[in-house]
Amino acid sequence: MFKSRNFTGGTNSYCTEAQAYFNAMTVQLNDTYKGFWNTSILAMIANGTWGVADVICVPCMLTEQQSNLNMKNPTSAIGRLIPNGFGSTFVPKVGYPGVNANSTYFNTGYAPNGNGVNWTLTNAKVSVKLKDNIQDDNYALGVRYNGSVVIRSRSIGDTFDGKVNSASTSVANTNGSGLFSVSTNGTNAYLDRNGTNLITTASTPTDNPDHELLVSAWYDGAMPAPALFCNNTIQFVYAGAMHSNDAAINTMINNWLAL
């Protein structure tokens, strides 16, 4: 009986997906934290998020290396976050505080047209969780060299703008914190906050981006462009098909930060 059981992390046994995530960490989580993420990954599998994701990153783990892993495929460079301009400002269980004067952003190594498995032209979604309620004209997410993917959660004019595969929409919004997403099913574009739909707009996608997804950035030309970089702190990143469970993800990250 003992031989038939998979003992890891002391007396705990973890699902294959969680164990792969833990194996990729150079500094291990304690058993309590491993138990949390094992349960969370099982929940994402059960609610359908895991199966439709290409990229799942949590840049508010305990170490920078943990924070930069693509949980969905932790041994791959595709989807792994590479911080630029943050210096040594990473804070455990908080993340990388954005500084738009430094053009801080994450490379992902993920170009939807070339690297997307679940992301397609007519079934695509990106989500980011922002720590603070910041009102500005900066962008939480974009695509290198073109404007076919955008999340701007709260502008100076209190507008939430989103675009994915060039299907776009916008809606009034006065709270810039939480989990924001933009998605398309080929007919409509959807903007959501914490799993609640704020607006649905008829909008046909025209461009499945072949350029790299950037987080905490809008990169539409030569560097640097500091006025266009988000100074908020990104605490979760998702890219994939549109049927991820935003409400459950938001609760999961809030629970992690409170643990």
C-alpha atoms as a PDB file:
ATOM      1  CA  MET A   1       0.000   0.000   0.000  1.00  0.00           C
ATOM      2  CA  PHE A   2       2.795   2.386   0.845  1.00  0.00           C
ATOM      3  CA  LYS A   3       4.501   1.673  -2.471  1.00  0.00           C
ATOM      4  CA  SER A   4       1.323   2.426  -4.379  1.00  0.00           C
ATOM      5  CA  ARG A   5       0.986   5.942  -2.946  1.00  0.00           C
ATOM      6  CA  ASN A   6       2.732   9.059  -4.206  1.00  0.00           C
ATOM      7  CA  PHE A   7       4.196  10.719  -1.122  1.00  0.00           C
ATOM      8  CA  THR A   8       5.493  14.237  -1.764  1.00  0.00           C
ATOM      9  CA  GLY A   9       5.872  17.266   0.458  1.00  0.00           C
ATOM     10  CA  GLY A  10       5.962  15.319   3.695  1.00  0.00           C
ATOM     11  CA  THR A  11       2.803  13.255   3.989  1.00  0.00           C
ATOM     12  CA  ASN A  12       0.916  15.119   1.241  1.00  0.00           C
ATOM     13  CA  SER A  13       0.103  13.731  -2.174  1.00  0.00           C
ATOM     14  CA  TYR A  14      -0.386  16.163  -5.052  1.00  0.00           C
ATOM     15  CA  CYS A  15      -1.997  15.934  -8.448  1.00  0.00           C
ATOM     16  CA  THR A  16       0.304  15.553 -11.441  1.00  0.00           C
ATOM     17  CA  GLU A  17      -0.231  19.144 -12.593  1.00  0.00           C
ATOM     18  CA  ALA A  18       0.573  20.623  -9.186  1.00  0.00           C
ATOM     19  CA  GLN A  19       3.617  18.396  -8.746  1.00  0.00           C
ATOM     20  CA  ALA A  20       5.007  19.571 -12.096  1.00  0.00           C
ATOM     21  CA  TYR A  21       4.548  23.174 -10.950  1.00  0.00           C
ATOM     22  CA  PHE A  22       6.327  22.484  -7.652  1.00  0.00           C
ATOM     23  CA  ASN A  23       9.126  20.596  -9.385  1.00  0.00           C
ATOM     24  CA  ALA A  24       9.903  23.669 -11.485  1.00  0.00           C
ATOM     25  CA  MET A  25      10.449  25.848  -8.398  1.00  0.00           C
ATOM     26  CA  THR A  26      14.040  26.361  -7.285  1.00  0.00           C
ATOM     27  CA  VAL A  27      12.767  27.260  -3.792  1.00  0.00           C
ATOM     28  CA  GLN A  28      10.006  24.997  -2.550  1.00  0.00           C
ATOM     29  CA  LEU A  29       6.762  26.121  -0.937  1.00  0.00           C
ATOM     30  CA  ASN A  30       5.923  24.753   2.486  1.00  0.00           C
ATOM     31  CA  ASP A  31       3.285  22.038   2.843  1.00  0.00           C
ATOM     32  CA  THR A  32       0.496  24.500   3.624  1.00  0.00           C
ATOM     33  CA  TYR A  33       1.158  26.520   0.490  1.00  0.00           C
ATOM     34  CA  LYS A  34       1.574  23.396  -1.631  1.00  0.00           C
ATOM     35  CA  GLY A  35      -1.740  22.138  -0.324  1.00  0.00           C
ATOM     36  CA  PHE A  36      -3.374  25.422  -1.283  1.00  0.00           C
ATOM     37  CA  TRP A  37      -2.080  25.340  -4.849  1.00  0.00           C
ATOM     38  CA  ASN A  38      -2.829  21.659  -5.261  1.00  0.00           C
ATOM     39  CA  THR A  39      -6.426  22.349  -4.242  1.00  0.00           C
ATOM     40  CA  SER A  40      -6.543  25.434  -6.477  1.00  0.00           C
ATOM     41  CA  ILE A  41      -5.252  23.580  -9.530  1.00  0.00           C
ATOM     42  CA  LEU A  42      -7.787  20.809  -8.948  1.00  0.00           C
ATOM     43  CA  ALA A  43     -10.490  23.494  -8.728  1.00  0.00           C
ATOM     44  CA  MET A  44      -9.320  25.055 -12.008  1.00  0.00           C
ATOM     45  CA  ILE A  45      -9.434  21.624 -13.613  1.00  0.00           C
ATOM     46  CA  ALA A  46     -12.955  21.066 -12.270  1.00  0.00           C
ATOM     47  CA  ASN A  47     -14.310  24.473 -13.337  1.00  0.00           C
ATOM     48  CA  GLY A  48     -12.822  24.210 -16.820  1.00  0.00           C
ATOM     49  CA  THR A  49     -10.197  26.948 -16.563  1.00  0.00           C
ATOM     50  CA  TRP A  50      -7.195  24.623 -16.687  1.00  0.00           C
ATOM     51  CA  GLY A  51      -8.281  22.861 -19.841  1.00  0.00           C
ATOM     52  CA  VAL A  52      -8.801  26.063 -21.860  1.00  0.00           C
ATOM     53  CA  ALA A  53      -5.655  27.891 -20.692  1.00  0.00           C
ATOM     54  CA  ASP A  54      -2.381  28.366 -22.528  1.00  0.00           C
ATOM     55  CA  VAL A  55      -0.882  30.677 -19.908  1.00  0.00           C
ATOM     56  CA  ILE A  56      -1.556  30.837 -16.158  1.00  0.00           C
ATOM     57  CA  CYS A  57       0.910  32.980 -14.207  1.00  0.00           C
ATOM     58  CA  VAL A  58       0.758  34.220 -10.620  1.00  0.00           C
ATOM     59  CA  PRO A  59       3.411  36.960 -10.295  1.00  0.00           C
ATOM     60  CA  CYS A  60       2.764  37.351  -6.563  1.00  0.00           C
ATOM     61  CA  MET A  61       4.244  34.119  -5.258  1.00  0.00           C
ATOM     62  CA  LEU A  62       6.972  33.961  -2.582  1.00  0.00           C
ATOM     63  CA  THR A  63       9.977  34.307  -4.892  1.00  0.00           C
ATOM     64  CA  GLU A  64      10.604  35.915  -8.261  1.00  0.00           C
ATOM     65  CA  GLN A  65      11.376  32.566  -9.862  1.00  0.00           C
ATOM     66  CA  GLN A  66       8.104  31.045  -8.632  1.00  0.00           C
ATOM     67  CA  SER A  67       6.227  34.133  -9.764  1.00  0.00           C
ATOM     68  CA  ASN A  68       7.495  33.950 -13.317  1.00  0.00           C
ATOM     69  CA  LEU A  69       6.518  30.343 -14.056  1.00  0.00           C
ATOM     70  CA  ASN A  70       3.698  29.484 -16.427  1.00  0.00           C
ATOM     71  CA  MET A  71       1.733  27.192 -14.133  1.00  0.00           C
ATOM     72  CA  LYS A  72       0.072  25.481 -17.091  1.00  0.00           C
ATOM     73  CA  ASN A  73       3.425  24.491 -18.616  1.00  0.00           C
ATOM     74  CA  PRO A  74       6.124  25.250 -16.035  1.00  0.00           C
ATOM     75  CA  THR A  75       9.063  23.717 -17.908  1.00  0.00           C
ATOM     76  CA  SER A  76       8.502  25.785 -21.048  1.00  0.00           C
ATOM     77  CA  ALA A  77       9.749  29.280 -21.831  1.00  0.00           C
ATOM     78  CA  ILE A  78       6.478  29.970 -23.646  1.00  0.00           C
ATOM     79  CA  GLY A  79       4.226  31.859 -21.282  1.00  0.00           C
ATOM     80  CA  ARG A  80       6.947  32.349 -18.682  1.00  0.00           C
ATOM     81  CA  LEU A  81       7.181  35.931 -17.446  1.00  0.00           C
ATOM     82  CA  ILE A  82      10.414  37.857 -17.958  1.00  0.00           C
ATOM     83  CA  PRO A  83      10.366  41.124 -15.991  1.00  0.00           C
ATOM     84  CA  ASN A  84      11.799  44.244 -17.570  1.00  0.00           C
ATOM     85  CA  GLY A  85      12.544  47.469 -15.739  1.00  0.00           C
ATOM     86  CA  PHE A  86      11.386  46.328 -12.316  1.00  0.00           C
ATOM     87  CA  GLY A  87      14.885  46.049 -10.848  1.00  0.00           C
ATOM     88  CA  SER A  88      14.756  44.347  -7.434  1.00  0.00           C
ATOM     89  CA  THR A  89      11.323  45.658  -6.483  1.00  0.00           C
ATOM     90  CA  PHE A  90       9.622  42.259  -6.262  1.00  0.00           C
ATOM     91  CA  VAL A  91       7.689  41.869  -3.000  1.00  0.00           C
ATOM     92  CA  PRO A  92       6.668  38.365  -1.793  1.00  0.00           C
ATOM     93  CA  LYS A  93       2.888  37.813  -1.811  1.00  0.00           C
ATOM     94  CA  VAL A  94       2.475  41.220  -3.506  1.00  0.00           C
ATOM     95  CA  GLY A  95       4.303  41.053  -6.819  1.00  0.00           C
ATOM     96  CA  TYR A  96       6.212  43.558  -8.937  1.00  0.00           C
ATOM     97  CA  PRO A  97       5.012  47.110  -8.248  1.00  0.00           C
ATOM     98  CA  GLY A  98       4.694  48.753 -11.638  1.00  0.00           C
ATOM     99  CA  VAL A  99       6.604  51.970 -12.309  1.00  0.00           C
ATOM    100  CA  ASN A 100       5.532  53.475 -15.601  1.00  0.00           C
ATOM    101  CA  ALA A 101       8.443  55.935 -15.569  1.00  0.00           C
ATOM    102  CA  ASN A 102      10.732  52.908 -15.949  1.00  0.00           C
ATOM    103  CA  SER A 103       8.624  51.251 -18.676  1.00  0.00           C
ATOM    104  CA  THR A 104       8.130  48.194 -16.501  1.00  0.00           C
ATOM    105  CA  TYR A 105       6.569  45.213 -18.223  1.00  0.00           C
ATOM    106  CA  PHE A 106       6.699  41.424 -18.608  1.00  0.00           C
ATOM    107  CA  ASN A 107       7.654  39.559 -21.743  1.00  0.00           C
ATOM    108  CA  THR A 108       5.719  36.313 -22.000  1.00  0.00           C
ATOM    109  CA  GLY A 109       7.304  34.538 -24.958  1.00  0.00           C
ATOM    110  CA  TYR A 110       3.715  33.824 -26.009  1.00  0.00           C
ATOM    111  CA  ALA A 111       2.479  34.886 -29.446  1.00  0.00           C
ATOM    112  CA  PRO A 112      -1.126  33.702 -29.867  1.00  0.00           C
ATOM    113  CA  ASN A 113      -0.905  32.881 -33.569  1.00  0.00           C
ATOM    114  CA  GLY A 114       2.232  30.782 -33.214  1.00  0.00           C
ATOM    115  CA  ASN A 115       2.019  29.520 -29.629  1.00  0.00           C
ATOM    116  CA  GLY A 116      -1.710  29.438 -28.995  1.00  0.00           C
ATOM    117  CA  VAL A 117      -3.192  26.005 -28.423  1.00  0.00           C
ATOM    118  CA  ASN A 118      -6.523  26.952 -26.910  1.00  0.00           C
ATOM    119  CA  TRP A 119      -6.394  30.560 -28.179  1.00  0.00           C
ATOM    120  CA  THR A 120      -7.907  30.857 -31.657  1.00  0.00           C
ATOM    121  CA  LEU A 121      -9.176  33.735 -33.792  1.00  0.00           C
ATOM    122  CA  THR A 122     -12.802  33.193 -32.737  1.00  0.00           C
ATOM    123  CA  ASN A 123     -12.239  31.857 -29.209  1.00  0.00           C
ATOM    124  CA  ALA A 124      -9.765  33.940 -27.231  1.00  0.00           C
ATOM    125  CA  LYS A 125      -9.437  35.589 -23.841  1.00  0.00           C
ATOM    126  CA  VAL A 126      -6.868  37.435 -21.751  1.00  0.00           C
ATOM    127  CA  SER A 127      -7.209  38.283 -18.071  1.00  0.00           C
ATOM    128  CA  VAL A 128      -5.106  40.247 -15.599  1.00  0.00           C
ATOM    129  CA  LYS A 129      -5.638  40.919 -11.919  1.00  0.00           C
ATOM    130  CA  LEU A 130      -4.643  44.411 -10.802  1.00  0.00           C
ATOM    131  CA  LYS A 131      -3.831  45.103  -7.177  1.00  0.00           C
ATOM    132  CA  ASP A 132      -4.825  48.768  -6.828  1.00  0.00           C
ATOM    133  CA  ASN A 133      -7.679  51.004  -7.905  1.00  0.00           C
ATOM    134  CA  ILE A 134      -5.586  53.272 -10.089  1.00  0.00           C
ATOM    135  CA  GLN A 135      -7.142  55.754 -12.479  1.00  0.00           C
ATOM    136  CA  ASP A 136      -4.792  56.441 -15.374  1.00  0.00           C
ATOM    137  CA  ASP A 137      -4.378  56.059 -19.106  1.00  0.00           C
ATOM    138  CA  ASN A 138      -1.904  53.220 -18.971  1.00  0.00           C
ATOM    139  CA  TYR A 139      -2.354  49.700 -20.258  1.00  0.00           C
ATOM    140  CA  ALA A 140      -2.309  46.500 -18.229  1.00  0.00           C
ATOM    141  CA  LEU A 141      -1.779  44.277 -21.237  1.00  0.00           C
ATOM    142  CA  GLY A 142      -0.907  44.548 -24.917  1.00  0.00           C
ATOM    143  CA  VAL A 143       0.799  42.885 -27.858  1.00  0.00           C
ATOM    144  CA  ARG A 144       4.227  43.827 -29.171  1.00  0.00           C
ATOM    145  CA  TYR A 145       4.082  46.069 -32.260  1.00  0.00           C
ATOM    146  CA  ASN A 146       0.322  46.139 -32.777  1.00  0.00           C
ATOM    147  CA  GLY A 147      -2.899  47.061 -31.013  1.00  0.00           C
ATOM    148  CA  SER A 148      -4.813  43.840 -31.597  1.00  0.00           C
ATOM    149  CA  VAL A 149      -4.886  42.941 -27.867  1.00  0.00           C
ATOM    150  CA  VAL A 150      -5.434  45.528 -25.127  1.00  0.00           C
ATOM    151  CA  ILE A 151      -6.638  45.755 -21.538  1.00  0.00           C
ATOM    152  CA  ARG A 152      -6.914  49.215 -19.994  1.00  0.00           C
ATOM    153  CA  SER A 153      -8.966  48.778 -16.832  1.00  0.00           C
ATOM    154  CA  ARG A 154      -9.693  52.359 -15.790  1.00  0.00           C
ATOM    155  CA  SER A 155      -8.719  55.425 -17.782  1.00  0.00           C
ATOM    156  CA  ILE A 156      -8.661  59.030 -16.644  1.00  0.00           C
ATOM    157  CA  GLY A 157     -12.160  59.232 -18.107  1.00  0.00           C
ATOM    158  CA  ASP A 158     -13.299  56.182 -16.076  1.00  0.00           C
ATOM    159  CA  THR A 159     -13.464  53.880 -19.086  1.00  0.00           C
ATOM    160  CA  PHE A 160     -12.526  50.210 -19.274  1.00  0.00           C
ATOM    161  CA  ASP A 161     -11.232  49.392 -22.758  1.00  0.00           C
ATOM    162  CA  GLY A 162     -10.547  45.942 -24.132  1.00  0.00           C
ATOM    163  CA  LYS A 163      -9.538  44.417 -27.419  1.00  0.00           C
ATOM    164  CA  VAL A 164      -8.684  40.844 -28.358  1.00  0.00           C
ATOM    165  CA  ASN A 165      -7.881  39.702 -31.899  1.00  0.00           C
ATOM    166  CA  SER A 166      -8.974  43.239 -32.854  1.00  0.00           C
ATOM    167  CA  ALA A 167     -12.504  42.654 -31.544  1.00  0.00           C
ATOM    168  CA  SER A 168     -12.980  45.584 -29.196  1.00  0.00           C
ATOM    169  CA  THR A 169     -15.384  47.255 -26.809  1.00  0.00           C
ATOM    170  CA  SER A 170     -15.383  49.685 -23.888  1.00  0.00           C
ATOM    171  CA  VAL A 171     -17.555  50.520 -20.907  1.00  0.00           C
ATOM    172  CA  ALA A 172     -17.682  53.028 -18.055  1.00  0.00           C
ATOM    173  CA  ASN A 173     -15.800  51.778 -15.002  1.00  0.00           C
ATOM    174  CA  THR A 174     -14.862  53.461 -11.719  1.00  0.00           C
ATOM    175  CA  ASN A 175     -12.944  50.640 -10.051  1.00  0.00           C
ATOM    176  CA  GLY A 176      -9.530  49.790 -11.455  1.00  0.00           C
ATOM    177  CA  SER A 177      -8.736  46.889  -9.112  1.00  0.00           C
ATOM    178  CA  GLY A 178      -9.720  43.268  -9.577  1.00  0.00           C
ATOM    179  CA  LEU A 179      -9.604  40.664 -12.325  1.00  0.00           C
ATOM    180  CA  PHE A 180     -10.235  42.194 -15.746  1.00  0.00           C
ATOM    181  CA  SER A 181     -10.702  40.235 -18.937  1.00  0.00           C
ATOM    182  CA  VAL A 182     -11.535  40.727 -22.577  1.00  0.00           C
ATOM    183  CA  SER A 183     -12.703  37.872 -24.762  1.00  0.00           C
ATOM    184  CA  THR A 184     -14.260  37.110 -28.130  1.00  0.00           C
ATOM    185  CA  ASN A 185     -16.304  34.230 -29.517  1.00  0.00           C
ATOM    186  CA  GLY A 186     -16.089  35.433 -33.105  1.00  0.00           C
ATOM    187  CA  THR A 187     -19.352  37.337 -32.915  1.00  0.00           C
ATOM    188  CA  ASN A 188     -19.076  39.464 -29.782  1.00  0.00           C
ATOM    189  CA  ALA A 189     -16.431  41.047 -27.581  1.00  0.00           C
ATOM    190  CA  TYR A 190     -16.922  40.788 -23.819  1.00  0.00           C
ATOM    191  CA  LEU A 191     -15.489  42.889 -21.003  1.00  0.00           C
ATOM    192  CA  ASP A 192     -15.661  41.371 -17.525  1.00  0.00           C
ATOM    193  CA  ARG A 193     -14.544  42.370 -14.043  1.00  0.00           C
ATOM    194  CA  ASN A 194     -14.272  39.683 -11.342  1.00  0.00           C
ATOM    195  CA  GLY A 195     -16.381  37.376 -13.478  1.00  0.00           C
ATOM    196  CA  THR A 196     -19.229  39.833 -13.975  1.00  0.00           C
ATOM    197  CA  ASN A 197     -19.935  40.918 -17.539  1.00  0.00           C
ATOM    198  CA  LEU A 198     -19.875  44.691 -17.880  1.00  0.00           C
ATOM    199  CA  ILE A 199     -20.649  44.921 -21.573  1.00  0.00           C
ATOM    200  CA  THR A 200     -21.099  42.719 -24.646  1.00  0.00           C
ATOM    201  CA  THR A 201     -20.575  44.314 -28.047  1.00  0.00           C
ATOM    202  CA  ALA A 202     -21.013  42.863 -31.515  1.00  0.00           C
ATOM    203  CA  SER A 203     -17.459  42.853 -32.810  1.00  0.00           C
ATOM    204  CA  THR A 204     -15.908  40.494 -35.337  1.00  0.00           C
ATOM    205  CA  PRO A 205     -12.241  39.567 -34.757  1.00  0.00           C
ATOM    206  CA  THR A 206      -9.904  40.132 -37.681  1.00  0.00           C
ATOM    207  CA  ASP A 207      -6.377  39.488 -36.403  1.00  0.00           C
ATOM    208  CA  ASN A 208      -4.963  36.498 -34.535  1.00  0.00           C
ATOM    209  CA  PRO A 209      -1.766  38.162 -33.267  1.00  0.00           C
ATOM    210  CA  ASP A 210       1.588  36.756 -34.326  1.00  0.00           C
ATOM    211  CA  HIS A 211       3.404  39.124 -31.933  1.00  0.00           C
ATOM    212  CA  GLU A 212       4.306  38.552 -28.314  1.00  0.00           C
ATOM    213  CA  LEU A 213       1.870  39.248 -25.501  1.00  0.00           C
ATOM    214  CA  LEU A 214       3.207  41.811 -23.021  1.00  0.00           C
ATOM    215  CA  VAL A 215       1.804  42.324 -19.533  1.00  0.00           C
ATOM    216  CA  SER A 216       1.664  45.720 -17.829  1.00  0.00           C
ATOM    217  CA  ALA A 217       2.426  47.320 -21.166  1.00  0.00           C
ATOM    218  CA  TRP A 218       1.167  48.698 -24.440  1.00  0.00           C
ATOM    219  CA  TYR A 219       3.987  48.475 -26.935  1.00  0.00           C
ATOM    220  CA  ASP A 220       3.058  50.014 -30.280  1.00  0.00           C
ATOM    221  CA  GLY A 221       6.365  51.115 -31.664  1.00  0.00           C
ATOM    222  CA  ALA A 222       9.869  52.006 -30.579  1.00  0.00           C
ATOM    223  CA  MET A 223      10.929  51.796 -26.931  1.00  0.00           C
ATOM    224  CA  PRO A 224      10.719  53.457 -24.552  1.00  0.00           C
ATOM    225  CA  ALA A 225       7.153  54.678 -24.264  1.00  0.00           C
ATOM    226  CA  PRO A 226       6.782  55.193 -20.511  1.00  0.00           C
ATOM    227  CA  ALA A 227       3.519  57.114 -20.657  1.00  0.00           C
ATOM    228  CA  LEU A 228       1.803  54.005 -22.012  1.00  0.00           C
ATOM    229  CA  PHE A 229       2.947  51.526 -19.367  1.00  0.00           C
ATOM    230  CA  CYS A 230       0.747  50.503 -16.443  1.00  0.00           C
ATOM    231  CA  ASN A 231       2.003  51.446 -12.976  1.00  0.00           C
ATOM    232  CA  ASN A 232      -0.338  49.023 -11.261  1.00  0.00           C
ATOM    233  CA  THR A 233       0.800  45.711  -9.774  1.00  0.00           C
ATOM    234  CA  ILE A 234      -0.173  42.662 -11.830  1.00  0.00           C
ATOM    235  CA  GLN A 235      -1.016  39.623  -9.687  1.00  0.00           C
ATOM    236  CA  PHE A 236      -2.459  37.146 -12.170  1.00  0.00           C
ATOM    237  CA  VAL A 237      -2.215  36.530 -15.917  1.00  0.00           C
ATOM    238  CA  TYR A 238      -4.344  34.260 -18.104  1.00  0.00           C
ATOM    239  CA  ALA A 239      -4.330  33.663 -21.850  1.00  0.00           C
ATOM    240  CA  GLY A 240      -6.283  31.029 -23.727  1.00  0.00           C
ATOM    241  CA  ALA A 241      -9.831  30.255 -24.784  1.00  0.00           C
ATOM    242  CA  MET A 242     -12.715  32.309 -23.454  1.00  0.00           C
ATOM    243  CA  HIS A 243     -14.314  29.831 -21.043  1.00  0.00           C
ATOM    244  CA  SER A 244     -12.066  30.341 -18.012  1.00  0.00           C
ATOM    245  CA  ASN A 245     -13.837  31.053 -14.717  1.00  0.00           C
ATOM    246  CA  ASP A 246     -12.897  34.620 -13.792  1.00  0.00           C
ATOM    247  CA  ALA A 247     -14.916  34.745 -10.576  1.00  0.00           C
ATOM    248  CA  ALA A 248     -13.256  31.587  -9.262  1.00  0.00           C
ATOM    249  CA  ILE A 249      -9.807  32.838 -10.291  1.00  0.00           C
ATOM    250  CA  ASN A 250     -10.341  36.147  -8.509  1.00  0.00           C
ATOM    251  CA  THR A 251     -11.381  34.329  -5.335  1.00  0.00           C
ATOM    252  CA  MET A 252      -8.394  31.988  -5.620  1.00  0.00           C
ATOM    253  CA  ILE A 253      -5.869  34.836  -5.814  1.00  0.00           C
ATOM    254  CA  ASN A 254      -7.563  36.753  -2.996  1.00  0.00           C
ATOM    255  CA  ASN A 255      -7.404  33.620  -0.839  1.00  0.00           C
ATOM    256  CA  TRP A 256      -3.727  33.116  -1.699  1.00  0.00           C
ATOM    257  CA  LEU A 257      -2.861  36.674  -0.731  1.00  0.00           C
ATOM    258  CA  ALA A 258      -4.744  36.281   2.561  1.00  0.00           C
ATOM    259  CA  LEU A 259      -3.115  32.935   3.423  1.00  0.00           C
END
